[in-house]
Amino acid sequence: GATAEDLVDGPVAVANDAPNPFPLGPTLVTFSATDATGNTGTATATLTIVDTTAPDVVAPDDQTVLADGETTQVEIGLPSVNDLVDPSPSVTNDAPEGDWYPIGTTIVTWTITDAYGNTIFATQTVTVEETIPEENLPPSVTSDELSITVDEGSSASNSGAYSDPEGGLVTITASIGLITQGEGTWNWTFDAVDGPSLSQTVIVTATDVQGAATESSFELIVVNVAPEITDTTAPATVVGEAVVELEGSFSDAGTADTHTVTVDWGDGTVTEAAVVQGAGSGSFTDSHSYASPDSYDVIVTVTDQDGDTDLVTITIGVGWTGR
């Protein structure tokens, strides 16, 4: 403290105009002392108050987010800052530019500095977790009928339903035939041109956009239909050893079938007629000469490649002039 000494009075009390408390920075303090006769002496001193206390800081909460790319933008917030003297300390951090964080853990360091250079640090952890894709579930598909039986030459049909657990796009295909697809339903058609060769297991497949697939199957049974002789032309009577000309036509529901035609002339002779094959139809011709007069029952048989047949019988009378 300050002291004063008087030549006559000796030690004299000292007064001052110091504030209480002192503000930050320099303060000029005047000291004064007065002796018993009223003589006053003064002296001054400058007292400087320096702030050496760092601010208080609480870092923002740690953040954990799921990645939405190679880098992910994260809102990390601001620290809570309080300083005894400076109402607005400087607040900075070393976060990535734009707050775009890579996958993994990043330590963000906050730096708080007040106006008098007092600095404190705080850290915050930002974790970006790699997104684990959800498991894709396959679509489902069902068939309304498990077995379809049709005659050859007919159109087979079936229908069913499908769905996708994630509600995604589903494509329906079939191993044979034509699929038309609706909202959660499918319809299938197939031209069964030949039986039983086209009998088979039909597989309907539902495939989602990620390639996951499910199958449903049903049995297709195509029944062979026997051919039918539609026309047979031959003379009712002939004379002598004249050649009998026979011709006719047939049809078949199986447009892919092939056919043979045999003619039993009734006299022990069996021949194979010439056939002109069409798709689901055909014609035939044959000829024969008889060796003796009689009435002959001629049997014409058409056979498809599956062994089914049709036959007709016609009667031809053979006369003999001069005998």
C-alpha atoms as a PDB file:
ATOM      1  CA  GLY A   1       0.000   0.000   0.000  1.00  0.00           C
ATOM      2  CA  ALA A   2       0.957   3.711  -0.204  1.00  0.00           C
ATOM      3  CA  THR A   3       2.522   5.579   2.804  1.00  0.00           C
ATOM      4  CA  ALA A   4       3.133   9.262   3.603  1.00  0.00           C
ATOM      5  CA  GLU A   5       5.627  10.920   5.961  1.00  0.00           C
ATOM      6  CA  ASP A   6       5.370  14.534   7.165  1.00  0.00           C
ATOM      7  CA  LEU A   7       8.381  16.503   8.458  1.00  0.00           C
ATOM      8  CA  VAL A   8       6.428  17.669  11.471  1.00  0.00           C
ATOM      9  CA  ASP A   9       3.611  15.211  11.939  1.00  0.00           C
ATOM     10  CA  GLY A  10       5.502  12.112  10.977  1.00  0.00           C
ATOM     11  CA  PRO A  11       3.468   9.355   9.356  1.00  0.00           C
ATOM     12  CA  VAL A  12       0.262  10.665   7.805  1.00  0.00           C
ATOM     13  CA  ALA A  13      -2.776   8.642   6.629  1.00  0.00           C
ATOM     14  CA  VAL A  14      -3.058   8.153   2.898  1.00  0.00           C
ATOM     15  CA  ALA A  15      -6.311   8.254   0.975  1.00  0.00           C
ATOM     16  CA  ASN A  16      -6.944   7.230  -2.703  1.00  0.00           C
ATOM     17  CA  ASP A  17      -9.656   7.359  -5.343  1.00  0.00           C
ATOM     18  CA  ALA A  18      -9.296   3.764  -6.472  1.00  0.00           C
ATOM     19  CA  PRO A  19     -12.578   2.211  -7.769  1.00  0.00           C
ATOM     20  CA  ASN A  20     -13.947  -0.927  -6.216  1.00  0.00           C
ATOM     21  CA  PRO A  21     -13.763  -3.135  -8.106  1.00  0.00           C
ATOM     22  CA  PHE A  22     -11.185  -2.187 -10.692  1.00  0.00           C
ATOM     23  CA  PRO A  23     -12.229  -2.413 -14.305  1.00  0.00           C
ATOM     24  CA  LEU A  24     -10.165  -4.354 -16.833  1.00  0.00           C
ATOM     25  CA  GLY A  25      -7.312  -2.397 -18.257  1.00  0.00           C
ATOM     26  CA  PRO A  26      -5.281   0.542 -16.819  1.00  0.00           C
ATOM     27  CA  THR A  27      -6.726   2.771 -14.064  1.00  0.00           C
ATOM     28  CA  LEU A  28      -5.001   5.968 -12.818  1.00  0.00           C
ATOM     29  CA  VAL A  29      -5.222   6.074  -9.017  1.00  0.00           C
ATOM     30  CA  THR A  30      -4.472   9.292  -7.113  1.00  0.00           C
ATOM     31  CA  PHE A  31      -3.079   8.975  -3.576  1.00  0.00           C
ATOM     32  CA  SER A  32      -3.256  11.961  -1.166  1.00  0.00           C
ATOM     33  CA  ALA A  33      -2.061  12.702   2.365  1.00  0.00           C
ATOM     34  CA  THR A  34      -2.891  15.794   4.542  1.00  0.00           C
ATOM     35  CA  ASP A  35      -0.951  16.847   7.644  1.00  0.00           C
ATOM     36  CA  ALA A  36      -2.302  18.458  10.766  1.00  0.00           C
ATOM     37  CA  THR A  37      -1.935  21.980   9.407  1.00  0.00           C
ATOM     38  CA  GLY A  38      -3.850  21.150   6.219  1.00  0.00           C
ATOM     39  CA  ASN A  39      -0.961  20.725   3.856  1.00  0.00           C
ATOM     40  CA  THR A  40      -1.776  18.038   1.245  1.00  0.00           C
ATOM     41  CA  GLY A  41       0.555  16.018  -0.914  1.00  0.00           C
ATOM     42  CA  THR A  42      -0.483  13.771  -3.826  1.00  0.00           C
ATOM     43  CA  ALA A  43       0.986  10.991  -5.915  1.00  0.00           C
ATOM     44  CA  THR A  44      -0.429   8.844  -8.742  1.00  0.00           C
ATOM     45  CA  ALA A  45      -0.031   5.260  -9.855  1.00  0.00           C
ATOM     46  CA  THR A  46      -1.491   3.314 -12.766  1.00  0.00           C
ATOM     47  CA  LEU A  47      -2.965  -0.093 -11.949  1.00  0.00           C
ATOM     48  CA  THR A  48      -3.694  -2.469 -14.880  1.00  0.00           C
ATOM     49  CA  ILE A  49      -6.164  -5.360 -14.537  1.00  0.00           C
ATOM     50  CA  VAL A  50      -5.468  -8.171 -17.044  1.00  0.00           C
ATOM     51  CA  ASP A  51      -8.050 -10.968 -17.935  1.00  0.00           C
ATOM     52  CA  THR A  52      -6.280 -14.327 -17.680  1.00  0.00           C
ATOM     53  CA  THR A  53      -9.385 -16.556 -17.350  1.00  0.00           C
ATOM     54  CA  ALA A  54     -10.349 -18.637 -20.381  1.00  0.00           C
ATOM     55  CA  PRO A  55     -14.005 -18.875 -21.376  1.00  0.00           C
ATOM     56  CA  ASP A  56     -16.203 -21.752 -20.272  1.00  0.00           C
ATOM     57  CA  VAL A  57     -17.329 -24.011 -23.141  1.00  0.00           C
ATOM     58  CA  VAL A  58     -19.574 -27.062 -23.601  1.00  0.00           C
ATOM     59  CA  ALA A  59     -19.190 -28.770 -26.987  1.00  0.00           C
ATOM     60  CA  PRO A  60     -22.303 -29.760 -28.967  1.00  0.00           C
ATOM     61  CA  ASP A  61     -23.594 -33.297 -28.554  1.00  0.00           C
ATOM     62  CA  ASP A  62     -21.812 -36.034 -30.470  1.00  0.00           C
ATOM     63  CA  GLN A  63     -23.581 -36.976 -33.714  1.00  0.00           C
ATOM     64  CA  THR A  64     -24.157 -40.396 -35.321  1.00  0.00           C
ATOM     65  CA  VAL A  65     -25.865 -40.543 -38.714  1.00  0.00           C
ATOM     66  CA  LEU A  66     -26.313 -42.978 -41.599  1.00  0.00           C
ATOM     67  CA  ALA A  67     -24.358 -42.296 -44.772  1.00  0.00           C
ATOM     68  CA  ASP A  68     -26.245 -41.158 -47.860  1.00  0.00           C
ATOM     69  CA  GLY A  69     -23.197 -41.212 -50.125  1.00  0.00           C
ATOM     70  CA  GLU A  70     -19.410 -41.111 -50.006  1.00  0.00           C
ATOM     71  CA  THR A  71     -19.788 -38.005 -47.818  1.00  0.00           C
ATOM     72  CA  THR A  72     -22.782 -36.930 -45.760  1.00  0.00           C
ATOM     73  CA  GLN A  73     -23.722 -33.447 -44.627  1.00  0.00           C
ATOM     74  CA  VAL A  74     -24.253 -33.290 -40.865  1.00  0.00           C
ATOM     75  CA  GLU A  75     -25.709 -30.473 -38.781  1.00  0.00           C
ATOM     76  CA  ILE A  76     -23.363 -30.452 -35.764  1.00  0.00           C
ATOM     77  CA  GLY A  77     -24.755 -27.444 -33.891  1.00  0.00           C
ATOM     78  CA  LEU A  78     -22.829 -24.837 -31.857  1.00  0.00           C
ATOM     79  CA  PRO A  79     -21.064 -24.996 -28.506  1.00  0.00           C
ATOM     80  CA  SER A  80     -22.346 -23.272 -25.393  1.00  0.00           C
ATOM     81  CA  VAL A  81     -19.832 -20.493 -24.523  1.00  0.00           C
ATOM     82  CA  ASN A  82     -19.579 -18.146 -21.538  1.00  0.00           C
ATOM     83  CA  ASP A  83     -16.793 -15.663 -20.691  1.00  0.00           C
ATOM     84  CA  LEU A  84     -16.487 -13.542 -17.540  1.00  0.00           C
ATOM     85  CA  VAL A  85     -15.495 -10.482 -19.527  1.00  0.00           C
ATOM     86  CA  ASP A  86     -15.961 -10.896 -23.275  1.00  0.00           C
ATOM     87  CA  PRO A  87     -19.636 -11.261 -24.300  1.00  0.00           C
ATOM     88  CA  SER A  88     -18.723 -12.518 -27.798  1.00  0.00           C
ATOM     89  CA  PRO A  89     -15.625 -14.711 -27.847  1.00  0.00           C
ATOM     90  CA  SER A  90     -14.358 -16.030 -31.179  1.00  0.00           C
ATOM     91  CA  VAL A  91     -15.718 -19.527 -31.965  1.00  0.00           C
ATOM     92  CA  THR A  92     -14.129 -21.649 -34.711  1.00  0.00           C
ATOM     93  CA  ASN A  93     -13.763 -25.346 -35.555  1.00  0.00           C
ATOM     94  CA  ASP A  94     -11.856 -27.612 -37.907  1.00  0.00           C
ATOM     95  CA  ALA A  95     -14.919 -29.357 -39.359  1.00  0.00           C
ATOM     96  CA  PRO A  96     -14.787 -30.417 -43.046  1.00  0.00           C
ATOM     97  CA  GLU A  97     -15.809 -27.750 -45.525  1.00  0.00           C
ATOM     98  CA  GLY A  98     -19.557 -27.475 -45.810  1.00  0.00           C
ATOM     99  CA  ASP A  99     -19.973 -29.959 -42.954  1.00  0.00           C
ATOM    100  CA  TRP A 100     -19.604 -32.879 -45.400  1.00  0.00           C
ATOM    101  CA  TYR A 101     -18.270 -35.838 -43.416  1.00  0.00           C
ATOM    102  CA  PRO A 102     -16.745 -39.059 -44.736  1.00  0.00           C
ATOM    103  CA  ILE A 103     -17.849 -42.493 -43.585  1.00  0.00           C
ATOM    104  CA  GLY A 104     -16.250 -43.234 -40.223  1.00  0.00           C
ATOM    105  CA  THR A 105     -15.461 -41.110 -37.149  1.00  0.00           C
ATOM    106  CA  THR A 106     -14.322 -37.482 -37.311  1.00  0.00           C
ATOM    107  CA  ILE A 107     -13.166 -35.522 -34.250  1.00  0.00           C
ATOM    108  CA  VAL A 108     -14.178 -31.868 -34.523  1.00  0.00           C
ATOM    109  CA  THR A 109     -12.114 -29.494 -32.381  1.00  0.00           C
ATOM    110  CA  TRP A 110     -13.772 -26.257 -31.294  1.00  0.00           C
ATOM    111  CA  THR A 111     -11.514 -23.290 -30.453  1.00  0.00           C
ATOM    112  CA  ILE A 112     -12.878 -20.433 -28.315  1.00  0.00           C
ATOM    113  CA  THR A 113     -10.764 -17.300 -27.800  1.00  0.00           C
ATOM    114  CA  ASP A 114     -11.842 -14.197 -25.887  1.00  0.00           C
ATOM    115  CA  ALA A 115     -10.830 -10.627 -26.612  1.00  0.00           C
ATOM    116  CA  TYR A 116      -7.798 -10.924 -24.307  1.00  0.00           C
ATOM    117  CA  GLY A 117      -6.387 -13.976 -26.027  1.00  0.00           C
ATOM    118  CA  ASN A 118      -7.512 -16.543 -23.513  1.00  0.00           C
ATOM    119  CA  THR A 119      -8.222 -19.759 -25.416  1.00  0.00           C
ATOM    120  CA  ILE A 120      -9.972 -23.022 -24.580  1.00  0.00           C
ATOM    121  CA  PHE A 121     -10.674 -26.110 -26.672  1.00  0.00           C
ATOM    122  CA  ALA A 122     -13.528 -28.613 -26.787  1.00  0.00           C
ATOM    123  CA  THR A 123     -14.064 -31.665 -28.989  1.00  0.00           C
ATOM    124  CA  GLN A 124     -17.091 -33.261 -30.587  1.00  0.00           C
ATOM    125  CA  THR A 125     -17.331 -36.667 -32.286  1.00  0.00           C
ATOM    126  CA  VAL A 126     -19.194 -37.041 -35.576  1.00  0.00           C
ATOM    127  CA  THR A 127     -19.757 -40.635 -36.740  1.00  0.00           C
ATOM    128  CA  VAL A 128     -21.098 -41.472 -40.194  1.00  0.00           C
ATOM    129  CA  GLU A 129     -22.152 -45.115 -40.395  1.00  0.00           C
ATOM    130  CA  GLU A 130     -22.218 -46.959 -43.693  1.00  0.00           C
ATOM    131  CA  THR A 131     -25.767 -47.719 -44.746  1.00  0.00           C
ATOM    132  CA  ILE A 132     -26.525 -51.420 -44.786  1.00  0.00           C
ATOM    133  CA  PRO A 133     -29.037 -52.079 -47.558  1.00  0.00           C
ATOM    134  CA  GLU A 134     -32.168 -53.881 -46.504  1.00  0.00           C
ATOM    135  CA  GLU A 135     -32.426 -57.462 -47.691  1.00  0.00           C
ATOM    136  CA  ASN A 136     -34.487 -57.668 -50.850  1.00  0.00           C
ATOM    137  CA  LEU A 137     -37.309 -60.168 -50.528  1.00  0.00           C
ATOM    138  CA  PRO A 138     -38.388 -62.018 -53.673  1.00  0.00           C
ATOM    139  CA  PRO A 139     -41.869 -61.544 -55.128  1.00  0.00           C
ATOM    140  CA  SER A 140     -44.556 -64.195 -54.790  1.00  0.00           C
ATOM    141  CA  VAL A 141     -46.555 -65.800 -57.590  1.00  0.00           C
ATOM    142  CA  THR A 142     -49.400 -68.338 -57.578  1.00  0.00           C
ATOM    143  CA  SER A 143     -51.360 -70.234 -60.238  1.00  0.00           C
ATOM    144  CA  ASP A 144     -55.143 -70.582 -60.024  1.00  0.00           C
ATOM    145  CA  GLU A 145     -55.125 -74.039 -61.643  1.00  0.00           C
ATOM    146  CA  LEU A 146     -52.484 -76.687 -61.004  1.00  0.00           C
ATOM    147  CA  SER A 147     -53.469 -78.789 -64.031  1.00  0.00           C
ATOM    148  CA  ILE A 148     -54.919 -77.761 -67.402  1.00  0.00           C
ATOM    149  CA  THR A 149     -56.253 -80.343 -69.886  1.00  0.00           C
ATOM    150  CA  VAL A 150     -57.197 -79.362 -73.441  1.00  0.00           C
ATOM    151  CA  ASP A 151     -57.688 -81.076 -76.776  1.00  0.00           C
ATOM    152  CA  GLU A 152     -55.089 -80.367 -79.403  1.00  0.00           C
ATOM    153  CA  GLY A 153     -56.099 -77.524 -81.660  1.00  0.00           C
ATOM    154  CA  SER A 154     -57.550 -75.640 -78.685  1.00  0.00           C
ATOM    155  CA  SER A 155     -56.268 -72.687 -76.707  1.00  0.00           C
ATOM    156  CA  ALA A 156     -55.183 -73.446 -73.151  1.00  0.00           C
ATOM    157  CA  SER A 157     -55.490 -70.769 -70.484  1.00  0.00           C
ATOM    158  CA  ASN A 158     -54.690 -70.195 -66.837  1.00  0.00           C
ATOM    159  CA  SER A 159     -54.426 -67.247 -64.479  1.00  0.00           C
ATOM    160  CA  GLY A 160     -52.919 -66.309 -61.156  1.00  0.00           C
ATOM    161  CA  ALA A 161     -51.706 -63.592 -58.836  1.00  0.00           C
ATOM    162  CA  TYR A 162     -48.407 -62.020 -57.848  1.00  0.00           C
ATOM    163  CA  SER A 163     -47.096 -59.454 -55.363  1.00  0.00           C
ATOM    164  CA  ASP A 164     -43.849 -57.889 -54.159  1.00  0.00           C
ATOM    165  CA  PRO A 165     -43.112 -57.343 -50.429  1.00  0.00           C
ATOM    166  CA  GLU A 166     -41.491 -53.971 -51.181  1.00  0.00           C
ATOM    167  CA  GLY A 167     -44.218 -52.934 -53.595  1.00  0.00           C
ATOM    168  CA  GLY A 168     -41.776 -52.816 -56.495  1.00  0.00           C
ATOM    169  CA  LEU A 169     -42.181 -53.584 -60.173  1.00  0.00           C
ATOM    170  CA  VAL A 170     -42.597 -57.278 -60.981  1.00  0.00           C
ATOM    171  CA  THR A 171     -42.312 -58.908 -64.407  1.00  0.00           C
ATOM    172  CA  ILE A 172     -44.193 -62.156 -65.104  1.00  0.00           C
ATOM    173  CA  THR A 173     -42.914 -64.608 -67.726  1.00  0.00           C
ATOM    174  CA  ALA A 174     -43.833 -68.164 -68.720  1.00  0.00           C
ATOM    175  CA  SER A 175     -41.783 -71.038 -70.110  1.00  0.00           C
ATOM    176  CA  ILE A 176     -44.229 -71.292 -73.022  1.00  0.00           C
ATOM    177  CA  GLY A 177     -47.257 -69.336 -74.163  1.00  0.00           C
ATOM    178  CA  LEU A 178     -48.247 -65.710 -73.815  1.00  0.00           C
ATOM    179  CA  ILE A 179     -48.514 -63.822 -70.512  1.00  0.00           C
ATOM    180  CA  THR A 180     -50.588 -60.675 -70.079  1.00  0.00           C
ATOM    181  CA  GLN A 181     -49.990 -58.864 -66.817  1.00  0.00           C
ATOM    182  CA  GLY A 182     -52.427 -56.803 -64.763  1.00  0.00           C
ATOM    183  CA  GLU A 183     -52.373 -55.101 -61.369  1.00  0.00           C
ATOM    184  CA  GLY A 184     -51.307 -58.037 -59.205  1.00  0.00           C
ATOM    185  CA  THR A 185     -52.762 -60.603 -61.622  1.00  0.00           C
ATOM    186  CA  TRP A 186     -51.606 -62.500 -64.700  1.00  0.00           C
ATOM    187  CA  ASN A 187     -53.291 -64.397 -67.510  1.00  0.00           C
ATOM    188  CA  TRP A 188     -51.707 -67.087 -69.665  1.00  0.00           C
ATOM    189  CA  THR A 189     -52.751 -68.497 -73.043  1.00  0.00           C
ATOM    190  CA  PHE A 190     -51.196 -71.096 -75.308  1.00  0.00           C
ATOM    191  CA  ASP A 191     -52.184 -72.536 -78.683  1.00  0.00           C
ATOM    192  CA  ALA A 192     -51.997 -76.298 -78.153  1.00  0.00           C
ATOM    193  CA  VAL A 193     -51.488 -77.269 -81.789  1.00  0.00           C
ATOM    194  CA  ASP A 194     -50.423 -80.850 -81.095  1.00  0.00           C
ATOM    195  CA  GLY A 195     -51.062 -83.440 -78.442  1.00  0.00           C
ATOM    196  CA  PRO A 196     -49.708 -85.164 -76.539  1.00  0.00           C
ATOM    197  CA  SER A 197     -46.288 -83.885 -77.661  1.00  0.00           C
ATOM    198  CA  LEU A 198     -46.922 -80.437 -76.154  1.00  0.00           C
ATOM    199  CA  SER A 199     -47.900 -81.818 -72.746  1.00  0.00           C
ATOM    200  CA  GLN A 200     -45.429 -80.423 -70.222  1.00  0.00           C
ATOM    201  CA  THR A 201     -44.884 -78.547 -66.976  1.00  0.00           C
ATOM    202  CA  VAL A 202     -45.434 -74.834 -67.481  1.00  0.00           C
ATOM    203  CA  ILE A 203     -43.330 -72.579 -65.257  1.00  0.00           C
ATOM    204  CA  VAL A 204     -44.506 -69.049 -64.465  1.00  0.00           C
ATOM    205  CA  THR A 205     -41.758 -66.801 -63.082  1.00  0.00           C
ATOM    206  CA  ALA A 206     -42.114 -63.522 -61.160  1.00  0.00           C
ATOM    207  CA  THR A 207     -38.965 -61.360 -61.196  1.00  0.00           C
ATOM    208  CA  ASP A 208     -38.454 -58.061 -59.345  1.00  0.00           C
ATOM    209  CA  VAL A 209     -36.249 -55.149 -60.411  1.00  0.00           C
ATOM    210  CA  GLN A 210     -33.319 -56.489 -58.383  1.00  0.00           C
ATOM    211  CA  GLY A 211     -33.454 -59.860 -60.103  1.00  0.00           C
ATOM    212  CA  ALA A 212     -35.007 -61.862 -57.266  1.00  0.00           C
ATOM    213  CA  ALA A 213     -37.366 -64.451 -58.732  1.00  0.00           C
ATOM    214  CA  THR A 214     -40.025 -66.938 -57.638  1.00  0.00           C
ATOM    215  CA  GLU A 215     -41.642 -69.689 -59.697  1.00  0.00           C
ATOM    216  CA  SER A 216     -45.070 -71.287 -59.806  1.00  0.00           C
ATOM    217  CA  SER A 217     -45.835 -74.275 -62.018  1.00  0.00           C
ATOM    218  CA  PHE A 218     -48.799 -76.181 -63.381  1.00  0.00           C
ATOM    219  CA  GLU A 219     -49.251 -79.196 -65.629  1.00  0.00           C
ATOM    220  CA  LEU A 220     -50.428 -78.773 -69.206  1.00  0.00           C
ATOM    221  CA  ILE A 221     -52.002 -81.909 -70.687  1.00  0.00           C
ATOM    222  CA  VAL A 222     -52.713 -81.760 -74.418  1.00  0.00           C
ATOM    223  CA  VAL A 223     -54.919 -84.627 -75.561  1.00  0.00           C
ATOM    224  CA  ASN A 224     -54.541 -85.931 -79.090  1.00  0.00           C
ATOM    225  CA  VAL A 225     -57.694 -85.731 -81.201  1.00  0.00           C
ATOM    226  CA  ALA A 226     -58.272 -88.409 -83.814  1.00  0.00           C
ATOM    227  CA  PRO A 227     -58.421 -87.303 -87.439  1.00  0.00           C
ATOM    228  CA  GLU A 228     -61.725 -87.409 -89.309  1.00  0.00           C
ATOM    229  CA  ILE A 229     -62.341 -88.485 -92.908  1.00  0.00           C
ATOM    230  CA  THR A 230     -64.533 -85.763 -94.342  1.00  0.00           C
ATOM    231  CA  ASP A 231     -65.021 -87.011 -97.900  1.00  0.00           C
ATOM    232  CA  THR A 232     -64.455 -90.183 -99.893  1.00  0.00           C
ATOM    233  CA  THR A 233     -65.202 -90.484-103.601  1.00  0.00           C
ATOM    234  CA  ALA A 234     -65.120 -93.679-105.678  1.00  0.00           C
ATOM    235  CA  PRO A 235     -67.378 -95.185-108.350  1.00  0.00           C
ATOM    236  CA  ALA A 236     -70.127 -97.390-106.995  1.00  0.00           C
ATOM    237  CA  THR A 237     -69.642 -99.859-109.852  1.00  0.00           C
ATOM    238  CA  VAL A 238     -66.994-100.659-112.396  1.00  0.00           C
ATOM    239  CA  VAL A 239     -66.879-103.074-115.294  1.00  0.00           C
ATOM    240  CA  GLY A 240     -64.200-105.672-115.741  1.00  0.00           C
ATOM    241  CA  GLU A 241     -60.632-104.852-114.955  1.00  0.00           C
ATOM    242  CA  ALA A 242     -61.186-101.086-115.060  1.00  0.00           C
ATOM    243  CA  VAL A 243     -59.091 -99.081-112.657  1.00  0.00           C
ATOM    244  CA  VAL A 244     -60.958 -97.849-109.588  1.00  0.00           C
ATOM    245  CA  GLU A 245     -59.951 -94.284-108.747  1.00  0.00           C
ATOM    246  CA  LEU A 246     -60.396 -93.386-105.082  1.00  0.00           C
ATOM    247  CA  GLU A 247     -59.920 -89.923-103.560  1.00  0.00           C
ATOM    248  CA  GLY A 248     -60.895 -88.178-100.387  1.00  0.00           C
ATOM    249  CA  SER A 249     -60.045 -85.669 -97.693  1.00  0.00           C
ATOM    250  CA  PHE A 250     -59.664 -85.539 -93.943  1.00  0.00           C
ATOM    251  CA  SER A 251     -59.330 -83.017 -91.128  1.00  0.00           C
ATOM    252  CA  ASP A 252     -57.541 -83.004 -87.789  1.00  0.00           C
ATOM    253  CA  ALA A 253     -57.760 -80.636 -84.829  1.00  0.00           C
ATOM    254  CA  GLY A 254     -54.012 -81.027 -84.441  1.00  0.00           C
ATOM    255  CA  THR A 255     -52.616 -78.610 -86.983  1.00  0.00           C
ATOM    256  CA  ALA A 256     -49.120 -80.049 -86.516  1.00  0.00           C
ATOM    257  CA  ASP A 257     -50.158 -83.669 -87.054  1.00  0.00           C
ATOM    258  CA  THR A 258     -48.984 -85.758 -89.995  1.00  0.00           C
ATOM    259  CA  HIS A 259     -51.054 -88.593 -91.459  1.00  0.00           C
ATOM    260  CA  THR A 260     -51.030 -91.807 -93.424  1.00  0.00           C
ATOM    261  CA  VAL A 261     -53.984 -93.266 -95.323  1.00  0.00           C
ATOM    262  CA  THR A 262     -54.362 -96.974 -96.032  1.00  0.00           C
ATOM    263  CA  VAL A 263     -56.950 -98.601 -98.277  1.00  0.00           C
ATOM    264  CA  ASP A 264     -58.101-102.183 -97.779  1.00  0.00           C
ATOM    265  CA  TRP A 265     -59.681-102.935-101.157  1.00  0.00           C
ATOM    266  CA  GLY A 266     -61.593-105.949 -99.847  1.00  0.00           C
ATOM    267  CA  ASP A 267     -59.873-108.468-102.058  1.00  0.00           C
ATOM    268  CA  GLY A 268     -56.874-109.007 -99.825  1.00  0.00           C
ATOM    269  CA  THR A 269     -55.006-106.026-101.181  1.00  0.00           C
ATOM    270  CA  VAL A 270     -53.984-103.196 -98.831  1.00  0.00           C
ATOM    271  CA  THR A 271     -52.240-100.119-100.226  1.00  0.00           C
ATOM    272  CA  GLU A 272     -51.034 -96.818 -98.853  1.00  0.00           C
ATOM    273  CA  ALA A 273     -52.640 -93.839-100.526  1.00  0.00           C
ATOM    274  CA  ALA A 274     -50.781 -90.764-101.655  1.00  0.00           C
ATOM    275  CA  VAL A 275     -51.358 -87.982 -99.118  1.00  0.00           C
ATOM    276  CA  VAL A 276     -51.153 -84.238 -99.569  1.00  0.00           C
ATOM    277  CA  GLN A 277     -50.643 -82.960 -96.039  1.00  0.00           C
ATOM    278  CA  GLY A 278     -51.919 -79.575 -94.856  1.00  0.00           C
ATOM    279  CA  ALA A 279     -52.133 -77.912 -91.444  1.00  0.00           C
ATOM    280  CA  GLY A 280     -55.056 -79.646 -89.831  1.00  0.00           C
ATOM    281  CA  SER A 281     -56.298 -81.159 -93.073  1.00  0.00           C
ATOM    282  CA  GLY A 282     -55.219 -83.199 -96.066  1.00  0.00           C
ATOM    283  CA  SER A 283     -56.288 -85.125 -99.125  1.00  0.00           C
ATOM    284  CA  PHE A 284     -55.499 -88.537-100.499  1.00  0.00           C
ATOM    285  CA  THR A 285     -55.718 -90.515-103.752  1.00  0.00           C
ATOM    286  CA  ASP A 286     -55.326 -94.179-104.623  1.00  0.00           C
ATOM    287  CA  SER A 287     -56.302 -96.637-107.350  1.00  0.00           C
ATOM    288  CA  HIS A 288     -56.838-100.370-107.803  1.00  0.00           C
ATOM    289  CA  SER A 289     -57.915-102.969-110.358  1.00  0.00           C
ATOM    290  CA  TYR A 290     -59.965-106.034-109.382  1.00  0.00           C
ATOM    291  CA  ALA A 291     -59.299-109.450-110.872  1.00  0.00           C
ATOM    292  CA  SER A 292     -62.824-110.832-110.590  1.00  0.00           C
ATOM    293  CA  PRO A 293     -66.398-109.584-110.390  1.00  0.00           C
ATOM    294  CA  ASP A 294     -67.898-109.180-106.944  1.00  0.00           C
ATOM    295  CA  SER A 295     -69.110-106.657-104.420  1.00  0.00           C
ATOM    296  CA  TYR A 296     -66.202-105.371-102.399  1.00  0.00           C
ATOM    297  CA  ASP A 297     -66.262-103.493 -99.057  1.00  0.00           C
ATOM    298  CA  VAL A 298     -63.412-101.007 -99.240  1.00  0.00           C
ATOM    299  CA  ILE A 299     -62.089 -99.720 -95.890  1.00  0.00           C
ATOM    300  CA  VAL A 300     -60.247 -96.379 -95.898  1.00  0.00           C
ATOM    301  CA  THR A 301     -58.282 -95.625 -92.711  1.00  0.00           C
ATOM    302  CA  VAL A 302     -56.545 -92.356 -91.839  1.00  0.00           C
ATOM    303  CA  THR A 303     -54.003 -92.485 -88.991  1.00  0.00           C
ATOM    304  CA  ASP A 304     -52.211 -89.574 -87.333  1.00  0.00           C
ATOM    305  CA  GLN A 305     -48.655 -89.793 -86.017  1.00  0.00           C
ATOM    306  CA  ASP A 306     -49.969 -90.479 -82.518  1.00  0.00           C
ATOM    307  CA  GLY A 307     -51.798 -93.610 -83.685  1.00  0.00           C
ATOM    308  CA  ASP A 308     -55.375 -92.344 -83.524  1.00  0.00           C
ATOM    309  CA  THR A 309     -57.521 -93.290 -86.504  1.00  0.00           C
ATOM    310  CA  ASP A 310     -60.765 -92.803 -88.387  1.00  0.00           C
ATOM    311  CA  LEU A 311     -62.166 -95.071 -91.051  1.00  0.00           C
ATOM    312  CA  VAL A 312     -64.996 -95.286 -93.545  1.00  0.00           C
ATOM    313  CA  THR A 313     -66.293 -98.206 -95.545  1.00  0.00           C
ATOM    314  CA  ILE A 314     -67.597 -97.906 -99.074  1.00  0.00           C
ATOM    315  CA  THR A 315     -68.940-100.648-101.348  1.00  0.00           C
ATOM    316  CA  ILE A 316     -67.790-101.045-104.922  1.00  0.00           C
ATOM    317  CA  GLY A 317     -69.511-103.455-107.280  1.00  0.00           C
ATOM    318  CA  VAL A 318     -67.380-105.003-109.989  1.00  0.00           C
ATOM    319  CA  GLY A 319     -69.210-106.429-113.013  1.00  0.00           C
ATOM    320  CA  TRP A 320     -67.752-108.573-115.775  1.00  0.00           C
ATOM    321  CA  THR A 321     -68.972-108.289-119.352  1.00  0.00           C
ATOM    322  CA  GLY A 322     -69.123-111.479-121.395  1.00  0.00           C
ATOM    323  CA  ARG A 323     -68.572-113.910-118.574  1.00  0.00           C
END
